[in-house]
Amino acid sequence: MNRPQGERSMRTRRAFLLGGAGLGALLIGAASYETWRLYGRHYPPTPYDDLLDLLPDRNAAKLLGEQIRDTGSIPIDSHKLAAELRSELARLPLSRLADEDMREGRVAELGGWVLPFSVIEICWLAKNYA
């Protein structure tokens, strides 16, 4: 049976509109992804980017790092500190390492926050290199 001409054109028009809407959604998604990459936060390169990239905001970490007092808990040698952090982070992700620090009492008050040493050490690196 042949269908009337109007019914075929409705299906063609509907398919065309749905295809166009799908293509438009795809283009909007791609544009928003690329916009975030272009206009998101960019920081100058440092030798410790692998550690500093674990932080959601380097500028906030830098502000916290500026609150650190010389208590002797953070080594002065950045390379040694980074090597120790990297070896610990190879064993555990930062969230679990921070939990472990909290359970074992390796915490300090920093800028009104009680933070684990692993996070404080990364903030110290941010203060000096971010």
C-alpha atoms as a PDB file:
ATOM      1  CA  MET A   1       0.000   0.000   0.000  1.00  0.00           C
ATOM      2  CA  ASN A   2       1.141   3.406  -0.821  1.00  0.00           C
ATOM      3  CA  ARG A   3       0.968   6.026   1.842  1.00  0.00           C
ATOM      4  CA  PRO A   4      -0.238   9.511   1.139  1.00  0.00           C
ATOM      5  CA  GLN A   5       2.409  12.040   0.203  1.00  0.00           C
ATOM      6  CA  GLY A   6       1.744  14.213   3.282  1.00  0.00           C
ATOM      7  CA  GLU A   7       2.484  11.383   5.717  1.00  0.00           C
ATOM      8  CA  ARG A   8       5.880  10.662   4.092  1.00  0.00           C
ATOM      9  CA  SER A   9       6.884  14.316   4.195  1.00  0.00           C
ATOM     10  CA  MET A  10       5.929  14.502   7.904  1.00  0.00           C
ATOM     11  CA  ARG A  11       8.244  11.574   8.677  1.00  0.00           C
ATOM     12  CA  THR A  12      11.056  13.114   6.651  1.00  0.00           C
ATOM     13  CA  ARG A  13      10.574  16.469   8.345  1.00  0.00           C
ATOM     14  CA  ARG A  14      10.467  14.842  11.816  1.00  0.00           C
ATOM     15  CA  ALA A  15      13.661  12.852  11.128  1.00  0.00           C
ATOM     16  CA  PHE A  16      15.363  15.983   9.847  1.00  0.00           C
ATOM     17  CA  LEU A  17      14.354  17.981  12.951  1.00  0.00           C
ATOM     18  CA  LEU A  18      15.421  15.228  15.357  1.00  0.00           C
ATOM     19  CA  GLY A  19      18.749  14.835  13.566  1.00  0.00           C
ATOM     20  CA  GLY A  20      19.285  18.595  13.682  1.00  0.00           C
ATOM     21  CA  ALA A  21      18.458  18.721  17.396  1.00  0.00           C
ATOM     22  CA  GLY A  22      20.886  15.866  18.101  1.00  0.00           C
ATOM     23  CA  LEU A  23      23.631  17.563  16.101  1.00  0.00           C
ATOM     24  CA  GLY A  24      22.968  20.845  17.905  1.00  0.00           C
ATOM     25  CA  ALA A  25      23.225  19.153  21.313  1.00  0.00           C
ATOM     26  CA  LEU A  26      26.489  17.533  20.253  1.00  0.00           C
ATOM     27  CA  LEU A  27      27.906  20.859  19.087  1.00  0.00           C
ATOM     28  CA  ILE A  28      26.870  22.625  22.305  1.00  0.00           C
ATOM     29  CA  GLY A  29      28.482  19.879  24.395  1.00  0.00           C
ATOM     30  CA  ALA A  30      31.719  20.031  22.410  1.00  0.00           C
ATOM     31  CA  ALA A  31      31.808  23.825  22.564  1.00  0.00           C
ATOM     32  CA  SER A  32      31.297  23.880  26.333  1.00  0.00           C
ATOM     33  CA  TYR A  33      34.069  21.307  26.833  1.00  0.00           C
ATOM     34  CA  GLU A  34      36.494  23.262  24.680  1.00  0.00           C
ATOM     35  CA  THR A  35      35.503  26.555  26.316  1.00  0.00           C
ATOM     36  CA  TRP A  36      36.380  25.145  29.759  1.00  0.00           C
ATOM     37  CA  ARG A  37      39.744  23.991  28.443  1.00  0.00           C
ATOM     38  CA  LEU A  38      40.434  27.397  26.886  1.00  0.00           C
ATOM     39  CA  TYR A  39      39.161  29.620  29.690  1.00  0.00           C
ATOM     40  CA  GLY A  40      39.719  27.399  32.742  1.00  0.00           C
ATOM     41  CA  ARG A  41      42.455  28.019  35.267  1.00  0.00           C
ATOM     42  CA  HIS A  42      45.950  27.831  33.883  1.00  0.00           C
ATOM     43  CA  TYR A  43      49.040  27.964  36.025  1.00  0.00           C
ATOM     44  CA  PRO A  44      52.672  28.484  35.072  1.00  0.00           C
ATOM     45  CA  PRO A  45      54.571  25.187  34.853  1.00  0.00           C
ATOM     46  CA  THR A  46      56.457  24.036  37.943  1.00  0.00           C
ATOM     47  CA  PRO A  47      58.558  20.966  38.716  1.00  0.00           C
ATOM     48  CA  TYR A  48      55.773  19.883  41.082  1.00  0.00           C
ATOM     49  CA  ASP A  49      52.745  20.057  38.796  1.00  0.00           C
ATOM     50  CA  ASP A  50      51.935  16.400  39.405  1.00  0.00           C
ATOM     51  CA  LEU A  51      51.462  17.192  43.107  1.00  0.00           C
ATOM     52  CA  LEU A  52      49.881  20.620  42.696  1.00  0.00           C
ATOM     53  CA  ASP A  53      47.340  19.234  40.204  1.00  0.00           C
ATOM     54  CA  LEU A  54      45.880  17.199  43.076  1.00  0.00           C
ATOM     55  CA  LEU A  55      44.586  20.455  44.568  1.00  0.00           C
ATOM     56  CA  PRO A  56      41.304  21.920  43.333  1.00  0.00           C
ATOM     57  CA  ASP A  57      42.609  25.502  43.562  1.00  0.00           C
ATOM     58  CA  ARG A  58      46.307  26.336  43.683  1.00  0.00           C
ATOM     59  CA  ASN A  59      45.646  29.926  44.679  1.00  0.00           C
ATOM     60  CA  ALA A  60      43.707  28.882  47.776  1.00  0.00           C
ATOM     61  CA  ALA A  61      46.443  26.367  48.612  1.00  0.00           C
ATOM     62  CA  LYS A  62      49.002  29.128  48.197  1.00  0.00           C
ATOM     63  CA  LEU A  63      47.114  31.283  50.700  1.00  0.00           C
ATOM     64  CA  LEU A  64      47.023  28.379  53.146  1.00  0.00           C
ATOM     65  CA  GLY A  65      50.699  27.709  52.521  1.00  0.00           C
ATOM     66  CA  GLU A  66      51.526  31.282  53.467  1.00  0.00           C
ATOM     67  CA  GLN A  67      50.039  30.575  56.913  1.00  0.00           C
ATOM     68  CA  ILE A  68      52.645  27.883  57.651  1.00  0.00           C
ATOM     69  CA  ARG A  69      54.922  28.752  60.529  1.00  0.00           C
ATOM     70  CA  ASP A  70      58.416  27.337  60.732  1.00  0.00           C
ATOM     71  CA  THR A  71      57.643  24.474  63.083  1.00  0.00           C
ATOM     72  CA  GLY A  72      60.235  22.119  61.688  1.00  0.00           C
ATOM     73  CA  SER A  73      57.525  19.734  60.493  1.00  0.00           C
ATOM     74  CA  ILE A  74      58.105  20.649  56.847  1.00  0.00           C
ATOM     75  CA  PRO A  75      61.558  20.091  55.398  1.00  0.00           C
ATOM     76  CA  ILE A  76      63.171  23.055  53.718  1.00  0.00           C
ATOM     77  CA  ASP A  77      64.290  20.964  50.735  1.00  0.00           C
ATOM     78  CA  SER A  78      61.405  21.002  48.251  1.00  0.00           C
ATOM     79  CA  HIS A  79      62.866  18.182  46.158  1.00  0.00           C
ATOM     80  CA  LYS A  80      63.076  15.897  49.180  1.00  0.00           C
ATOM     81  CA  LEU A  81      59.544  16.807  50.274  1.00  0.00           C
ATOM     82  CA  ALA A  82      58.193  16.192  46.770  1.00  0.00           C
ATOM     83  CA  ALA A  83      59.994  12.842  46.531  1.00  0.00           C
ATOM     84  CA  GLU A  84      58.505  11.738  49.867  1.00  0.00           C
ATOM     85  CA  LEU A  85      55.021  12.853  48.829  1.00  0.00           C
ATOM     86  CA  ARG A  86      55.319  11.083  45.475  1.00  0.00           C
ATOM     87  CA  SER A  87      56.371   7.829  47.138  1.00  0.00           C
ATOM     88  CA  GLU A  88      53.446   8.056  49.573  1.00  0.00           C
ATOM     89  CA  LEU A  89      51.025   8.923  46.768  1.00  0.00           C
ATOM     90  CA  ALA A  90      52.244   5.929  44.781  1.00  0.00           C
ATOM     91  CA  ARG A  91      51.012   3.836  47.700  1.00  0.00           C
ATOM     92  CA  LEU A  92      47.711   5.647  48.386  1.00  0.00           C
ATOM     93  CA  PRO A  93      45.600   8.349  46.726  1.00  0.00           C
ATOM     94  CA  LEU A  94      45.661  11.743  48.453  1.00  0.00           C
ATOM     95  CA  SER A  95      42.238  11.283  50.056  1.00  0.00           C
ATOM     96  CA  ARG A  96      43.279   8.022  51.746  1.00  0.00           C
ATOM     97  CA  LEU A  97      46.683   9.428  52.666  1.00  0.00           C
ATOM     98  CA  ALA A  98      44.955  12.393  54.316  1.00  0.00           C
ATOM     99  CA  ASP A  99      42.605  10.010  56.173  1.00  0.00           C
ATOM    100  CA  GLU A 100      45.617   8.042  57.383  1.00  0.00           C
ATOM    101  CA  ASP A 101      47.288  11.258  58.589  1.00  0.00           C
ATOM    102  CA  MET A 102      44.125  12.195  60.493  1.00  0.00           C
ATOM    103  CA  ARG A 103      43.824   8.787  62.157  1.00  0.00           C
ATOM    104  CA  GLU A 104      47.477   8.855  63.224  1.00  0.00           C
ATOM    105  CA  GLY A 105      47.265  12.415  64.552  1.00  0.00           C
ATOM    106  CA  ARG A 106      49.554  13.976  61.936  1.00  0.00           C
ATOM    107  CA  VAL A 107      47.513  17.168  61.739  1.00  0.00           C
ATOM    108  CA  ALA A 108      48.081  20.856  62.320  1.00  0.00           C
ATOM    109  CA  GLU A 109      45.983  24.005  62.432  1.00  0.00           C
ATOM    110  CA  LEU A 110      46.481  26.109  59.346  1.00  0.00           C
ATOM    111  CA  GLY A 111      44.480  29.243  58.617  1.00  0.00           C
ATOM    112  CA  GLY A 112      41.739  28.192  61.007  1.00  0.00           C
ATOM    113  CA  TRP A 113      41.519  24.703  59.502  1.00  0.00           C
ATOM    114  CA  VAL A 114      42.773  21.447  60.970  1.00  0.00           C
ATOM    115  CA  LEU A 115      44.529  19.764  58.069  1.00  0.00           C
ATOM    116  CA  PRO A 116      46.531  16.575  57.614  1.00  0.00           C
ATOM    117  CA  PHE A 117      50.268  16.969  57.057  1.00  0.00           C
ATOM    118  CA  SER A 118      50.084  15.555  53.528  1.00  0.00           C
ATOM    119  CA  VAL A 119      47.761  18.390  52.464  1.00  0.00           C
ATOM    120  CA  ILE A 120      49.798  20.976  54.384  1.00  0.00           C
ATOM    121  CA  GLU A 121      52.963  19.854  52.619  1.00  0.00           C
ATOM    122  CA  ILE A 122      51.329  20.226  49.220  1.00  0.00           C
ATOM    123  CA  CYS A 123      50.090  23.686  50.276  1.00  0.00           C
ATOM    124  CA  TRP A 124      53.676  24.532  51.234  1.00  0.00           C
ATOM    125  CA  LEU A 125      54.808  23.553  47.742  1.00  0.00           C
ATOM    126  CA  ALA A 126      51.995  25.677  46.293  1.00  0.00           C
ATOM    127  CA  LYS A 127      53.133  28.649  48.375  1.00  0.00           C
ATOM    128  CA  ASN A 128      56.614  28.422  46.947  1.00  0.00           C
ATOM    129  CA  TYR A 129      55.886  27.330  43.386  1.00  0.00           C
ATOM    130  CA  ALA A 130      52.298  28.156  42.376  1.00  0.00           C
END
